[in-house]
Protein backbone atom coordinates (compact mmCIF):
# COMPACT_ATOMS: atom_id res chain seq x y z
CA MET A 1 -24.40 -31.91 -1.73
CA SER A 2 -24.01 -34.99 -3.93
CA SER A 3 -21.61 -35.61 -6.82
CA ILE A 4 -20.13 -38.41 -8.94
CA GLN A 5 -16.67 -39.52 -7.87
CA VAL A 6 -14.33 -41.78 -9.87
CA TYR A 7 -11.63 -43.56 -7.86
CA ASN A 8 -8.88 -46.13 -8.61
CA SER A 9 -8.63 -49.47 -6.86
CA ARG A 10 -5.87 -51.92 -7.89
CA GLY A 11 -5.68 -50.38 -11.31
CA ILE A 12 -9.42 -50.48 -11.95
CA LYS A 13 -11.59 -47.35 -12.04
CA TYR A 14 -14.84 -47.37 -10.06
CA ALA A 15 -17.64 -44.79 -9.78
CA ARG A 16 -19.72 -43.86 -6.75
CA ILE A 17 -22.11 -41.20 -5.53
CA VAL A 18 -20.72 -39.16 -2.63
CA GLU A 19 -22.17 -36.37 -0.51
CA SER A 20 -20.33 -33.44 1.05
CA TYR A 21 -21.45 -32.23 4.44
CA ARG A 22 -20.16 -30.30 7.45
CA ASP A 23 -19.56 -32.09 10.75
CA PRO A 24 -22.11 -30.65 13.23
CA ILE A 25 -19.56 -30.66 16.06
CA THR A 26 -16.20 -29.78 14.49
CA ARG A 27 -17.74 -27.77 11.60
CA LYS A 28 -15.11 -29.31 9.32
CA PRO A 29 -16.14 -30.43 5.80
CA LYS A 30 -16.49 -34.20 5.33
CA THR A 31 -17.57 -36.66 2.61
CA ARG A 32 -19.70 -39.81 2.82
CA VAL A 33 -20.52 -42.49 0.22
CA LEU A 34 -24.20 -42.73 -0.73
CA LYS A 35 -23.97 -45.48 -3.37
CA VAL A 36 -21.27 -47.46 -5.21
CA LEU A 37 -22.15 -47.60 -8.93
CA GLY A 38 -19.54 -50.18 -10.03
CA ARG A 39 -16.73 -50.41 -12.55
CA VAL A 40 -16.48 -47.48 -14.95
CA ASP A 41 -15.68 -49.66 -17.99
CA GLU A 42 -18.71 -51.87 -17.36
CA LEU A 43 -21.02 -48.91 -16.82
CA GLU A 44 -19.83 -47.22 -20.01
CA ALA A 45 -20.22 -50.46 -21.97
CA LYS A 46 -23.89 -50.68 -20.94
CA GLU A 47 -24.60 -46.97 -21.49
CA PRO A 48 -21.96 -44.79 -23.20
CA GLY A 49 -21.72 -41.38 -21.55
CA ILE A 50 -23.50 -42.53 -18.39
CA LEU A 51 -21.06 -40.77 -16.03
CA GLU A 52 -21.54 -37.42 -17.73
CA ARG A 53 -25.34 -37.92 -17.65
CA LEU A 54 -25.20 -38.71 -13.94
CA ARG A 55 -23.01 -35.67 -13.26
CA THR A 56 -25.50 -33.45 -15.09
CA GLU A 57 -28.38 -34.91 -13.08
CA CYS A 58 -26.47 -34.28 -9.85
CA ARG A 59 -25.84 -30.67 -10.81
CA GLU A 60 -29.48 -30.15 -11.78
CA SER A 61 -30.60 -31.80 -8.57
CA ARG A 62 -28.35 -29.58 -6.49
CA ALA A 63 -29.61 -26.50 -8.30
CA PHE A 64 -33.23 -27.61 -7.81
CA ASN A 65 -32.71 -28.34 -4.12
CA GLU A 66 -30.91 -25.04 -3.64
CA SER A 67 -33.78 -23.26 -5.35
CA LEU A 68 -36.28 -24.94 -3.01
CA LYS A 69 -34.15 -24.00 0.02
CA GLN A 70 -33.92 -20.40 -1.12
CA GLU A 71 -37.64 -20.23 -1.78
CA ALA A 72 -38.40 -21.57 1.68
CA LEU A 73 -35.87 -19.21 3.22
CA PHE A 74 -37.41 -16.22 1.46
CA LYS A 75 -40.86 -17.19 2.77
CA ASN A 76 -39.39 -17.37 6.27
CA ILE A 77 -37.90 -13.89 5.87
CA GLN A 78 -41.22 -12.52 4.60
CA GLN A 79 -43.12 -14.06 7.50
CA HIS A 80 -40.54 -12.77 9.96
CA LEU A 81 -40.74 -9.23 8.58
CA GLU A 82 -44.54 -9.31 8.79
CA SER A 83 -44.38 -10.41 12.40
CA ILE A 84 -42.12 -7.53 13.49
CA ASP A 85 -43.78 -4.50 15.05
CA ASP A 86 -43.57 -1.41 12.83
CA THR A 87 -41.76 0.56 15.49
CA ALA A 88 -39.19 -2.14 16.01
CA ALA A 89 -38.68 -2.50 12.28
CA LYS A 90 -37.34 1.01 11.83
CA GLY A 91 -33.73 0.95 10.82
CA PHE A 92 -32.35 -2.54 10.37
CA PRO A 93 -28.58 -2.60 10.90
CA VAL A 94 -26.33 -2.59 7.85
CA ARG A 95 -23.10 -4.61 7.79
CA ASN A 96 -20.25 -4.54 5.32
CA TYR A 97 -19.20 -7.85 3.76
CA GLY A 98 -16.80 -6.28 1.21
CA VAL A 99 -14.24 -6.51 4.01
CA LYS A 100 -14.02 -10.24 3.24
CA VAL A 101 -11.89 -9.35 0.18
CA TYR A 102 -9.27 -7.90 2.51
CA GLU A 103 -9.80 -10.89 4.80
CA ASN A 104 -8.94 -13.11 1.83
CA ILE A 105 -5.62 -11.25 1.39
CA TRP A 106 -5.03 -11.45 5.16
CA ASN A 107 -5.45 -15.23 5.01
CA GLU A 108 -3.29 -15.55 1.92
CA LEU A 109 -0.45 -13.80 3.78
CA ASN A 110 -0.89 -16.27 6.65
CA LEU A 111 -1.34 -13.48 9.20
CA ASP A 112 -3.50 -15.44 11.66
CA TYR A 113 -0.62 -17.88 12.08
CA PHE A 114 1.88 -15.05 12.56
CA PHE A 115 -0.11 -13.27 15.27
CA ASP A 116 -1.07 -16.46 17.10
CA TYR A 117 2.56 -17.65 17.10
CA ARG A 118 4.09 -14.31 18.19
CA GLN A 119 1.43 -13.76 20.85
CA LYS A 120 2.03 -17.21 22.39
CA ARG A 121 5.81 -16.87 22.13
CA ASP A 122 6.35 -13.26 23.22
CA THR A 123 3.47 -12.27 25.53
CA ASN A 124 1.07 -13.37 28.24
CA ILE A 125 -1.84 -11.58 26.54
CA LYS A 126 -5.07 -13.53 26.94
CA PHE A 127 -7.29 -11.94 24.28
CA LYS A 128 -6.81 -12.75 20.57
CA VAL A 129 -4.43 -10.11 19.24
CA LYS A 130 -5.16 -11.10 15.63
CA GLU A 131 -8.79 -10.03 16.05
CA VAL A 132 -7.81 -6.62 17.39
CA VAL A 133 -5.15 -6.02 14.73
CA SER A 134 -7.32 -7.21 11.84
CA MET A 135 -10.14 -4.92 12.98
CA LEU A 136 -7.76 -1.96 13.11
CA VAL A 137 -6.37 -2.80 9.67
CA TYR A 138 -9.80 -3.28 8.06
CA SER A 139 -10.99 -0.01 9.64
CA ARG A 140 -7.92 1.77 8.28
CA LEU A 141 -8.64 0.40 4.81
CA LEU A 142 -12.38 1.04 4.69
CA LYS A 143 -13.36 3.53 7.44
CA PRO A 144 -10.17 5.28 8.59
CA THR A 145 -10.57 7.23 11.81
CA SER A 146 -9.20 7.40 15.35
CA LYS A 147 -8.60 4.20 17.35
CA LYS A 148 -11.48 5.01 19.70
CA ARG A 149 -13.85 5.63 16.81
CA SER A 150 -12.65 2.45 15.06
CA PHE A 151 -13.53 0.53 18.19
CA GLU A 152 -17.00 2.14 18.36
CA GLN A 153 -17.83 1.36 14.73
CA ARG A 154 -16.27 -2.12 14.59
CA GLU A 155 -19.64 -3.83 14.22
CA PHE A 156 -20.01 -2.25 10.80
CA PHE A 157 -17.89 -5.15 9.52
CA ILE A 158 -19.61 -8.48 9.16
CA ASN A 159 -16.58 -10.34 10.57
CA SER A 160 -16.34 -8.24 13.74
CA ASN A 161 -15.45 -9.82 17.09
CA ASP A 162 -16.07 -8.79 20.66
CA MET A 163 -13.30 -6.68 22.27
CA ASN A 164 -12.78 -3.66 24.51
CA LEU A 165 -10.96 -0.34 24.09
CA GLU A 166 -8.09 -1.30 26.39
CA GLN A 167 -7.32 -4.24 24.12
CA ILE A 168 -7.05 -1.84 21.17
CA TYR A 169 -4.18 0.07 22.79
CA ARG A 170 -2.52 -3.13 24.00
CA GLY A 171 -2.74 -4.35 20.41
CA LEU A 172 -0.88 -1.23 19.25
CA SER A 173 1.90 -1.87 21.79
CA PHE A 174 2.11 -5.47 20.59
CA LEU A 175 2.50 -4.25 17.00
CA ALA A 176 5.25 -1.84 18.04
CA ASP A 177 7.20 -4.73 19.60
CA GLU A 178 6.67 -7.04 16.61
CA LYS A 179 7.54 -4.55 13.85
CA GLU A 180 10.71 -6.34 12.71
CA SER A 181 9.25 -9.86 12.85
CA LEU A 182 6.09 -8.75 11.00
CA GLU A 183 8.15 -7.15 8.21
CA LYS A 184 10.13 -10.36 7.81
CA HIS A 185 6.96 -12.46 7.78
CA LEU A 186 5.31 -10.28 5.14
CA ASN A 187 8.38 -10.28 2.89
CA LYS A 188 8.71 -14.06 3.19
CA GLN A 189 5.04 -14.61 2.35
CA LEU A 190 5.18 -12.20 -0.60
CA SER A 191 8.25 -13.95 -1.99
CA LEU A 192 6.27 -17.22 -1.93
CA LYS A 193 3.17 -15.73 -3.59
CA MET A 194 4.78 -13.69 -6.38
CA THR A 195 7.91 -13.42 -8.47
CA ARG A 196 9.37 -10.50 -6.56
CA ASN A 197 12.09 -8.40 -8.13
CA LEU A 198 14.34 -6.93 -5.44
CA GLY A 199 17.00 -5.87 -7.91
CA VAL A 200 15.53 -2.36 -7.87
CA ALA A 201 14.00 -0.62 -4.86
CA PHE A 202 12.59 2.88 -4.48
CA TYR A 203 13.21 4.99 -1.40
CA ASP A 204 11.75 8.27 -0.22
CA VAL A 205 10.97 10.22 2.91
CA THR A 206 7.88 12.02 4.15
CA THR A 207 6.49 13.51 7.35
CA TYR A 208 3.41 12.79 9.46
CA TYR A 209 2.05 15.42 11.80
CA PHE A 210 0.23 15.35 15.12
CA GLU A 211 -2.54 17.64 16.30
CA SER A 212 -0.16 18.76 19.03
CA VAL A 213 2.65 21.19 19.82
CA ARG A 214 4.21 19.02 22.56
CA ALA A 215 7.61 17.74 21.46
CA ASP A 216 9.53 14.73 22.79
CA GLU A 217 12.39 12.52 21.57
CA LEU A 218 10.34 11.29 18.58
CA LYS A 219 7.73 14.00 17.98
CA LYS A 220 9.65 17.12 17.01
CA PHE A 221 9.23 20.31 15.02
CA GLY A 222 10.83 20.15 11.59
CA TYR A 223 10.35 20.81 7.91
CA SER A 224 6.82 19.59 7.20
CA LYS A 225 6.00 18.15 3.79
CA ASP A 226 2.34 18.80 4.65
CA ASN A 227 2.98 22.50 5.39
CA LYS A 228 2.13 22.03 9.08
CA VAL A 229 4.74 24.42 10.45
CA ASN A 230 3.26 24.74 13.94
CA GLN A 231 2.78 21.05 14.76
CA VAL A 232 5.16 18.33 15.84
CA GLN A 233 5.83 15.46 13.47
CA VAL A 234 7.75 12.26 12.77
CA VAL A 235 9.74 11.39 9.66
CA MET A 236 9.22 8.11 7.79
CA GLY A 237 11.65 6.54 5.33
CA LEU A 238 9.88 3.97 3.12
CA LEU A 239 11.38 1.38 0.78
CA ILE A 240 9.19 -0.31 -1.86
CA ASP A 241 9.70 -2.81 -4.69
CA ASP A 242 9.01 -2.23 -8.38
CA GLU A 243 5.38 -3.32 -7.94
CA GLY A 244 4.81 -0.63 -5.33
CA ILE A 245 4.65 -3.13 -2.46
CA PRO A 246 6.51 -2.01 0.69
CA ILE A 247 9.69 -3.81 1.75
CA SER A 248 10.57 -1.93 4.92
CA TYR A 249 10.29 1.39 6.70
CA GLU A 250 11.89 3.31 9.56
CA LEU A 251 10.66 6.14 11.78
CA PHE A 252 12.89 9.08 12.71
CA PRO A 253 12.53 12.15 14.92
CA GLY A 254 10.56 14.91 13.24
CA ASN A 255 13.61 17.16 12.73
CA THR A 256 15.69 14.57 10.83
CA ASN A 257 17.00 15.70 7.42
CA ASP A 258 16.01 13.47 4.52
CA PHE A 259 19.56 12.54 3.53
CA LYS A 260 20.32 11.28 7.08
CA THR A 261 17.63 8.58 6.88
CA LEU A 262 19.04 6.52 4.01
CA VAL A 263 21.97 4.83 5.75
CA PRO A 264 19.92 3.44 8.71
CA VAL A 265 17.30 2.02 6.34
CA MET A 266 19.90 0.35 4.14
CA GLU A 267 21.71 -1.05 7.21
CA HIS A 268 18.39 -2.50 8.31
CA LEU A 269 17.86 -4.03 4.85
CA ARG A 270 21.33 -5.56 4.77
CA GLU A 271 21.32 -6.93 8.32
CA ASN A 272 17.78 -8.30 8.37
CA TYR A 273 17.38 -9.59 4.83
CA GLY A 274 20.94 -10.16 3.69
CA ILE A 275 20.36 -8.01 0.61
CA ASN A 276 23.69 -6.58 -0.53
CA LYS A 277 23.05 -6.00 -4.23
CA ILE A 278 20.24 -3.69 -5.14
CA ILE A 279 19.75 -0.45 -7.08
CA ILE A 280 18.43 2.26 -4.78
CA THR A 281 16.39 4.87 -6.57
CA ALA A 282 15.67 8.16 -4.84
CA ASP A 283 15.02 11.85 -5.46
CA ARG A 284 17.39 14.78 -5.01
CA GLY A 285 16.85 15.17 -1.26
CA LEU A 286 18.64 11.85 -0.67
CA ASN A 287 21.57 12.63 -2.99
CA SER A 288 24.44 13.49 -0.67
CA LYS A 289 28.00 12.43 -1.41
CA GLN A 290 28.18 10.72 1.99
CA ASN A 291 25.11 8.61 1.15
CA LEU A 292 26.51 7.64 -2.24
CA ALA A 293 29.88 6.69 -0.76
CA TYR A 294 28.12 4.54 1.85
CA LEU A 295 26.03 2.75 -0.78
CA LYS A 296 29.10 2.00 -2.88
CA SER A 297 31.05 0.78 0.13
CA LYS A 298 28.29 -1.76 0.89
CA GLY A 299 27.99 -2.98 -2.68
CA PHE A 300 24.70 -1.22 -3.45
CA ASP A 301 24.10 0.71 -6.66
CA TYR A 302 22.04 3.85 -7.02
CA VAL A 303 20.03 5.91 -9.49
CA MET A 304 19.63 9.39 -8.02
CA ALA A 305 18.23 12.68 -9.19
CA TYR A 306 20.91 15.39 -9.48
CA LYS A 307 20.46 19.14 -8.93
CA ILE A 308 21.66 20.68 -12.16
CA ARG A 309 21.02 24.32 -11.21
CA SER A 310 23.36 23.97 -8.21
CA ALA A 311 25.97 21.95 -10.14
CA SER A 312 29.53 22.98 -10.95
CA LYS A 313 30.37 25.12 -13.98
CA SER A 314 31.77 22.06 -15.78
CA VAL A 315 28.53 20.10 -15.34
CA LYS A 316 26.44 23.09 -16.45
CA ALA A 317 28.64 23.40 -19.54
CA LEU A 318 27.96 19.73 -20.34
CA VAL A 319 24.24 20.30 -19.95
CA LEU A 320 24.10 23.32 -22.25
CA GLY A 321 26.48 21.89 -24.86
CA ASP A 322 24.52 20.71 -27.90
CA GLU A 323 26.89 17.89 -28.80
CA ASP A 324 26.22 14.19 -28.08
CA TYR A 325 22.47 14.54 -27.42
CA THR A 326 20.22 11.80 -28.79
CA ALA A 327 16.89 13.25 -29.86
CA GLU A 328 13.66 11.28 -29.58
CA GLY A 329 11.43 13.61 -31.55
CA PRO A 330 11.23 17.38 -30.95
CA ASP A 331 10.13 17.10 -27.31
CA PHE A 332 12.74 14.86 -25.70
CA LYS A 333 16.52 14.33 -25.84
CA TRP A 334 19.22 12.81 -23.65
CA LYS A 335 22.94 12.16 -23.37
CA VAL A 336 25.34 10.29 -21.08
CA CYS A 337 28.43 11.87 -19.53
CA ASP A 338 31.17 10.62 -17.25
CA PHE A 339 30.69 12.13 -13.82
CA LYS A 340 33.44 12.06 -11.19
CA ASN A 341 33.18 13.31 -7.66
CA SER A 342 34.92 12.77 -4.36
CA VAL A 343 34.06 12.84 -0.68
CA ILE A 344 36.03 12.45 2.55
CA VAL A 345 34.79 9.49 4.64
CA ASP A 346 36.54 8.67 7.93
CA GLY A 347 39.47 10.81 6.90
CA LYS A 348 39.89 9.03 3.56
CA LYS A 349 39.11 10.35 0.11
CA VAL A 350 36.50 8.25 -1.72
CA LEU A 351 36.20 8.64 -5.49
CA LEU A 352 32.73 8.38 -7.05
CA GLU A 353 32.98 7.48 -10.73
CA ASP A 354 29.46 7.48 -12.12
CA ASN A 355 27.46 8.20 -15.23
CA MET A 356 25.30 11.27 -15.52
CA VAL A 357 22.24 10.93 -17.74
CA ILE A 358 21.11 14.41 -18.75
CA THR A 359 17.61 14.69 -20.16
CA TRP A 360 15.58 17.52 -21.64
CA SER A 361 11.85 17.48 -22.25
CA ALA A 362 9.49 20.14 -23.56
CA LYS A 363 6.93 19.17 -20.91
CA ARG A 364 9.39 19.77 -18.08
CA ALA A 365 10.57 23.03 -19.68
CA GLU A 366 7.01 24.34 -19.60
CA LYS A 367 6.64 23.27 -15.95
CA ASP A 368 9.91 24.98 -15.00
CA ARG A 369 8.76 28.15 -16.76
CA ARG A 370 5.42 28.18 -14.91
CA ASP A 371 7.11 27.53 -11.54
CA ARG A 372 9.57 30.38 -12.14
CA GLU A 373 6.78 32.78 -13.13
CA ARG A 374 5.18 32.22 -9.73
CA LEU A 375 8.49 32.92 -7.97
CA ILE A 376 9.06 36.04 -10.08
CA GLU A 377 5.65 37.37 -9.14
CA LYS A 378 6.31 36.69 -5.46
CA SER A 379 9.77 38.25 -5.56
CA LYS A 380 8.45 41.41 -7.19
CA ARG A 381 5.83 41.75 -4.46
CA LEU A 382 8.55 41.46 -1.83
CA VAL A 383 10.64 44.14 -3.48
CA GLU A 384 7.64 46.44 -3.49
CA SER A 385 6.70 45.66 0.14
CA LYS A 386 9.81 45.59 2.32
CA SER A 387 7.78 45.21 5.50
CA THR A 388 6.86 41.61 4.63
CA LEU A 389 10.28 40.68 3.30
CA LYS A 390 11.67 38.94 6.39
CA ALA A 391 8.59 36.75 6.89
CA GLU A 392 8.38 35.73 3.26
CA MET A 393 12.08 35.16 2.60
CA LYS A 394 11.78 31.70 4.18
CA LYS A 395 9.01 30.58 1.80
CA GLY A 396 10.85 30.63 -1.51
CA GLY A 397 10.12 34.14 -2.65
CA LYS A 398 13.70 35.30 -1.96
CA LYS A 399 15.12 33.54 -5.02
CA TYR A 400 14.89 36.63 -7.23
CA VAL A 401 15.31 39.27 -4.51
CA GLN A 402 18.72 40.94 -4.46
CA LEU A 403 20.06 42.62 -1.32
CA SER A 404 22.89 45.12 -1.47
CA ILE A 405 26.02 44.11 0.47
CA PHE A 406 26.55 47.76 1.30
CA ASP A 407 23.00 48.76 2.20
CA ASP A 408 20.51 46.36 3.83
CA ASP A 409 17.65 48.64 2.88
CA HIS A 410 18.50 48.51 -0.81
CA ILE A 411 16.43 45.73 -2.36
CA SER A 412 16.06 45.04 -6.08
CA PHE A 413 14.73 42.40 -8.45
CA ASN A 414 17.46 40.03 -9.69
CA GLN A 415 16.87 39.79 -13.43
CA THR A 416 20.29 38.23 -13.99
CA GLN A 417 19.34 35.18 -11.87
CA VAL A 418 16.12 34.82 -13.85
CA GLU A 419 18.04 34.73 -17.14
CA THR A 420 20.52 32.21 -15.70
CA ASP A 421 17.74 29.88 -14.57
CA GLU A 422 15.94 30.12 -17.92
CA GLN A 423 18.86 28.38 -19.61
CA PHE A 424 18.17 25.18 -17.68
CA ASP A 425 14.43 24.92 -18.24
CA GLY A 426 13.53 21.32 -19.08
CA TYR A 427 16.89 19.79 -18.13
CA TYR A 428 17.17 17.04 -15.53
CA GLY A 429 20.12 15.05 -14.26
CA ILE A 430 20.12 11.41 -13.16
CA GLN A 431 23.27 10.05 -11.49
CA SER A 432 23.89 6.31 -11.90
CA SER A 433 26.63 4.21 -10.31
CA ASP A 434 26.20 1.17 -12.58
CA LYS A 435 27.88 2.10 -15.86
CA SER A 436 26.61 -1.06 -17.53
CA LEU A 437 23.07 0.34 -17.50
CA SER A 438 21.95 2.02 -20.71
CA ALA A 439 20.59 5.54 -20.60
CA GLU A 440 17.16 4.19 -21.47
CA LYS A 441 17.29 1.77 -18.53
CA VAL A 442 18.45 4.48 -16.11
CA ILE A 443 15.59 6.75 -17.21
CA GLU A 444 13.13 3.86 -16.92
CA ILE A 445 14.32 3.02 -13.39
CA TYR A 446 14.19 6.64 -12.26
CA GLN A 447 10.71 7.17 -13.69
CA GLY A 448 9.51 4.39 -11.38
CA LEU A 449 9.80 6.81 -8.45
CA TRP A 450 6.14 7.76 -8.94
CA LYS A 451 5.29 4.43 -7.29
CA ILE A 452 6.65 5.49 -3.92
CA GLU A 453 5.16 8.96 -4.24
CA GLU A 454 1.82 7.26 -4.82
CA SER A 455 2.36 4.99 -1.79
CA PHE A 456 2.81 8.04 0.42
CA ARG A 457 -0.30 9.58 -1.10
CA VAL A 458 -2.28 6.40 -0.41
CA MET A 459 -1.08 6.28 3.22
CA LYS A 460 -1.86 9.93 3.84
CA THR A 461 -5.07 10.24 1.84
CA ASN A 462 -6.75 6.86 1.40
CA LEU A 463 -5.59 5.37 4.72
CA GLU A 464 -5.59 8.72 6.55
CA ALA A 465 -2.41 7.89 8.44
CA ARG A 466 -2.26 11.50 9.61
CA PRO A 467 -2.94 13.43 11.72
CA ILE A 468 -1.98 11.00 14.48
CA PHE A 469 -4.21 10.88 17.56
CA VAL A 470 -2.11 8.66 19.86
CA TRP A 471 0.63 10.05 22.08
CA THR A 472 2.73 7.36 23.77
CA GLN A 473 5.84 6.04 22.02
CA ALA A 474 4.43 2.50 21.88
CA SER A 475 1.07 3.62 20.46
CA ILE A 476 2.71 5.88 17.87
CA ARG A 477 5.01 3.13 16.66
CA GLY A 478 2.13 0.63 16.73
CA HIS A 479 0.01 3.04 14.68
CA PHE A 480 2.63 3.08 11.93
CA VAL A 481 3.04 -0.71 11.95
CA MET A 482 -0.73 -0.99 11.53
CA CYS A 483 -0.73 1.56 8.67
CA TYR A 484 2.22 -0.23 7.05
CA LEU A 485 0.39 -3.58 7.23
CA ALA A 486 -2.73 -2.00 5.71
CA LEU A 487 -0.60 -0.55 2.89
CA VAL A 488 1.00 -3.95 2.16
CA ILE A 489 -2.44 -5.61 2.00
CA GLN A 490 -3.80 -2.87 -0.27
CA ARG A 491 -0.79 -2.89 -2.60
CA TYR A 492 -0.73 -6.70 -2.81
CA LEU A 493 -4.44 -6.69 -3.66
CA GLU A 494 -3.78 -4.15 -6.43
CA TYR A 495 -0.92 -6.32 -7.72
CA LYS A 496 -3.22 -9.37 -7.90
CA LEU A 497 -5.83 -7.33 -9.77
CA ARG A 498 -3.23 -6.04 -12.26
CA LYS A 499 -2.14 -9.64 -12.93
CA GLU A 500 -5.73 -10.29 -14.00
CA LYS A 501 -5.75 -7.15 -16.21
CA ILE A 502 -8.01 -5.28 -13.76
CA GLU A 503 -6.82 -1.69 -13.40
CA ILE A 504 -8.72 -0.06 -10.55
CA SER A 505 -7.39 2.83 -8.46
CA THR A 506 -6.93 2.54 -4.71
CA GLY A 507 -9.88 4.84 -4.07
CA ASN A 508 -12.17 2.96 -6.43
CA ILE A 509 -11.23 -0.37 -4.82
CA GLN A 510 -12.11 1.06 -1.43
CA ASP A 511 -15.40 2.46 -2.74
CA ALA A 512 -16.25 -0.90 -4.31
CA LEU A 513 -15.64 -2.80 -1.08
CA ARG A 514 -17.55 -0.19 0.95
CA SER A 515 -20.52 -0.65 -1.38
CA ALA A 516 -20.84 -4.36 -0.58
CA ASN A 517 -23.30 -4.30 2.34
CA VAL A 518 -26.13 -6.40 3.71
CA THR A 519 -29.15 -5.48 5.82
CA ILE A 520 -29.44 -7.68 8.91
CA ILE A 521 -32.86 -8.95 10.00
CA ASP A 522 -32.66 -10.41 13.47
CA ASP A 523 -34.56 -13.60 14.21
CA SER A 524 -35.32 -14.06 17.88
CA LYS A 525 -36.09 -17.73 17.31
CA SER A 526 -32.64 -18.48 15.92
CA ASN A 527 -28.98 -17.72 16.69
CA SER A 528 -28.47 -16.91 13.02
CA PRO A 529 -30.17 -13.76 11.71
CA TYR A 530 -31.22 -13.31 8.11
CA TYR A 531 -29.53 -10.97 5.66
CA LEU A 532 -30.68 -9.13 2.55
CA LYS A 533 -27.93 -8.14 0.11
CA ASN A 534 -27.80 -4.45 -0.86
CA GLN A 535 -26.76 -3.41 -4.33
CA SER A 536 -22.97 -3.12 -4.79
CA ASN A 537 -21.17 -1.33 -7.62
CA ASP A 538 -19.77 -2.90 -10.79
CA ASP A 539 -16.16 -2.69 -9.63
CA PHE A 540 -16.95 -5.00 -6.73
CA SER A 541 -18.10 -7.74 -9.11
CA ALA A 542 -14.93 -7.27 -11.19
CA ILE A 543 -12.76 -7.60 -8.06
CA LEU A 544 -14.51 -10.82 -6.99
CA SER A 545 -14.14 -12.27 -10.47
CA ALA A 546 -10.43 -11.41 -10.67
CA LEU A 547 -9.76 -13.03 -7.28
CA ASP A 548 -11.94 -16.07 -8.06
CA LEU A 549 -14.24 -15.25 -5.14
CA SER A 550 -17.97 -15.96 -5.15
CA GLU A 551 -20.68 -13.35 -4.66
CA ILE A 552 -23.12 -14.02 -1.85
CA LEU A 553 -26.74 -14.94 -2.54
CA PRO A 554 -29.37 -12.15 -2.56
CA TYR A 555 -30.65 -13.32 0.83
CA GLY A 556 -29.92 -16.01 3.35
CA ARG A 557 -28.66 -16.78 6.82
CA LEU A 558 -25.88 -14.57 8.14
CA ASN A 559 -23.83 -17.62 9.13
CA ASP A 560 -23.58 -18.55 5.45
CA ILE A 561 -21.52 -15.39 4.85
CA LEU A 562 -19.41 -15.83 7.97
CA ARG A 563 -18.46 -19.37 6.95
CA SER A 564 -17.58 -18.41 3.37
């Protein structure tokens, strides 16, 4: 491929024609000089605009030559297809090249270097771990399934490599061992690629179940957020930044209470990343006085949801008092109150002096009313059918069922509790340790919690992180490292698209990349088969454009895609 190059020699500009080519042995790109044209000033004096004319001619020549090459290639493909026996021609294999978008993110995060370095440093593994891990990650992103099935369908991806099933499970064990180092690597790379705000982080907890009832030290029965009451599970605590990109995570036994997970995660954050000043935002399940005291003792701040219906009489009085509310139209109002609390830690009384932002919204009031109506209906059914009472009492229907302290058989509907709850429809409390934050800022920070809720949804739904089909401790932990890495890649890709004003959901991104396929036509006379590009959807073109990636040609040699 020829072009016009201008270079400087001893202060004088010269022009020459150069050609780019690929070394046949090393396959590295090189440049050679075809012709020296002379001094730029002298050339322009003889013919003004000569360099631009020559550049245009080079471009036109390249386009013409490329057209001839493509025409010849197409004739070759036609001739090859005509030469193939009809029986043999049934069902040409289809390969996905949309995976190269994820491969681009993988390369940007310098993951080949990480896996090569850690493999050489920490193991005596002979196969290329990066190839196994990348295959597992790409499968999780585009065709999530079991590890065995991922191995069987690996050739669906155009960048697939040869491997065996044993290497898959060894790769999971490797990931389990490298969890901490991989987290650090990812966070370092992300800090280099983007302006990352770690002043606010969002934390939440969820559960992942197994298709099993066999418990051990990690897999245990507990409260399932997926309503899988008869299956063992693990608990995950996940920390993300304000762009929705994960920072860190920890796994806990399946019977761990939510509020007991926060301290270990924050200790991990402080010890491994030296982060001592950050606002932790979490929902009500994490709001225990012990957690808050710990966060304050370590210099962290917090924005936490607060359970108003279970609050003290003084707090409830503040909520229902009409004074000091700032109204933003008829459907929303808020006010800020001093909120003091205390907790005993290591035998010492710790005072928590915070702000409480109390909000009311018409939208939330309507939701609270609908939720209560469902509980009322359930409670009334229980009162009418005492035989099912004991089984149903654990599922939330007991809220408005009243039992007599004198007679266990006397059951009635608790209308008084209904009327008490009605008073607090639409009200929500947000507890904030940093009194310098305005109410608007506290509300804004807290409303960002949807980002972590969405991350859990993506892991569970789009990446199908559960149910889990591996059973050893190493494989389980490796599975979650792999899912975490896939989530980081997906979220970073979405961040890059948002920066280019491209708003595409996780599911639509996956669909777009899945749609980018080629049909492979094997050529027995050559080591490089032909490909024919299948039609992809419009989102795929938008993704390529936003990432400054080129679309492949309608047909060509498969090696052309692999080298791109």
